[in-house]
Protein backbone atom coordinates (compact mmCIF):
# COMPACT_ATOMS: atom_id res chain seq x y z
CA MET A 1 34.38 34.15 4.19
CA ALA A 2 31.44 33.81 6.22
CA GLY A 3 28.71 33.52 4.80
CA LYS A 4 24.90 34.81 6.09
CA PHE A 5 23.42 31.48 6.22
CA LYS A 6 24.00 28.40 7.38
CA VAL A 7 23.15 25.01 6.52
CA GLY A 8 19.67 23.98 7.65
CA ASP A 9 18.68 27.52 7.71
CA ARG A 10 15.51 29.05 5.92
CA ALA A 11 15.42 31.68 3.37
CA PHE A 12 13.66 33.07 0.63
CA ILE A 13 13.96 33.61 -2.93
CA VAL A 14 12.45 35.96 -5.99
CA GLU A 15 11.47 33.46 -9.30
CA SER A 16 11.15 35.82 -12.05
CA ASN A 17 10.80 38.49 -10.40
CA ARG A 18 7.04 38.01 -9.34
CA PHE A 19 7.03 35.05 -7.81
CA ILE A 20 8.45 34.11 -3.48
CA ARG A 21 9.40 30.84 -2.24
CA GLU A 22 10.50 29.22 1.04
CA VAL A 23 14.20 27.31 0.72
CA GLU A 24 16.37 25.65 2.86
CA VAL A 25 19.98 25.51 2.73
CA ARG A 26 21.77 22.47 1.83
CA SER A 27 25.15 23.50 1.71
CA CYS A 28 27.40 26.48 0.76
CA ALA A 29 30.57 26.30 -0.85
CA GLY A 30 32.37 29.13 -2.43
CA GLY A 31 29.96 32.21 -2.17
CA MET A 32 27.13 29.68 -4.30
CA TYR A 33 24.57 27.95 -1.80
CA LEU A 34 22.79 25.11 -2.59
CA VAL A 35 19.37 25.27 -1.61
CA ARG A 36 16.18 22.85 -1.86
CA PHE A 37 12.65 24.10 -2.48
CA LEU A 38 10.28 23.04 0.47
CA ASP A 39 6.81 23.36 -1.31
CA SER A 40 8.44 21.28 -4.28
CA VAL A 41 10.64 18.48 -5.00
CA GLY A 42 13.91 19.84 -6.39
CA GLY A 43 16.35 22.58 -5.50
CA ILE A 44 19.01 24.95 -6.88
CA LYS A 45 22.33 26.81 -6.76
CA LEU A 46 22.02 30.14 -6.27
CA ARG A 47 24.79 33.40 -5.27
CA GLU A 48 24.25 34.92 -1.93
CA ASN A 49 22.83 37.88 -3.00
CA ARG A 50 19.36 35.95 -4.42
CA LEU A 51 18.09 34.93 -0.58
CA PHE A 52 16.57 36.85 1.80
CA ALA A 53 16.22 36.18 5.08
CA SER A 54 12.77 37.19 5.29
CA ARG A 55 9.56 37.50 2.69
CA GLU A 56 9.18 41.13 3.31
CA GLU A 57 12.92 41.53 2.40
CA ALA A 58 12.15 39.90 -0.49
CA GLU A 59 8.29 41.51 -1.57
CA GLY A 60 10.98 44.68 -1.29
CA SER A 61 13.19 43.18 -3.54
CA ILE A 62 10.50 43.19 -6.35
CA LYS A 63 10.75 45.86 -9.04
CA GLY A 64 7.64 48.21 -9.63
CA LYS A 65 5.26 47.47 -12.34
CA LYS A 66 5.29 48.84 -15.30
CA THR A 67 3.10 50.95 -17.24
CA MET A 68 2.80 49.41 -20.32
CA GLN A 69 1.43 51.63 -23.14
CA ARG A 70 -1.04 52.14 -26.32
CA ARG A 71 -1.43 54.52 -28.73
CA ILE A 72 -5.13 54.95 -29.70
CA GLY A 73 -5.85 57.18 -32.19
CA ARG A 74 -3.40 59.90 -31.45
CA ARG A 75 -2.76 59.53 -28.09
CA MET A 76 -0.87 58.00 -25.83
CA ILE A 77 -2.94 56.37 -23.29
CA SER A 78 -1.35 53.49 -20.35
CA ASP A 79 -3.46 50.58 -19.37
CA THR A 80 -4.88 52.57 -16.09
CA GLU A 81 -6.22 55.49 -18.09
CA GLN A 82 -7.80 52.71 -20.37
CA ASN A 83 -9.48 50.82 -17.67
CA GLY A 84 -10.29 53.86 -16.01
CA ARG A 85 -8.56 52.66 -12.44
CA ALA A 86 -5.22 54.14 -10.58
CA VAL A 87 -2.64 52.12 -9.93
């Protein structure tokens, strides 16, 4: 199985569905990639589907913001209505 990334390639990952980090591929075996963080010490082992070739591709994978709703009196309003802004 030929992988999408090779040892030494740079890639991007999404953490907590919020943060994008640049990583370097250190090894690949059985569809799992060992990557090293470029902005700090350490690394992590991930499946290929968690790696992205570009920052834009990683940003596109982040799910949109959910609108939180609260009950005020008898009416349900969203956070955007309460703050008077549209998202």
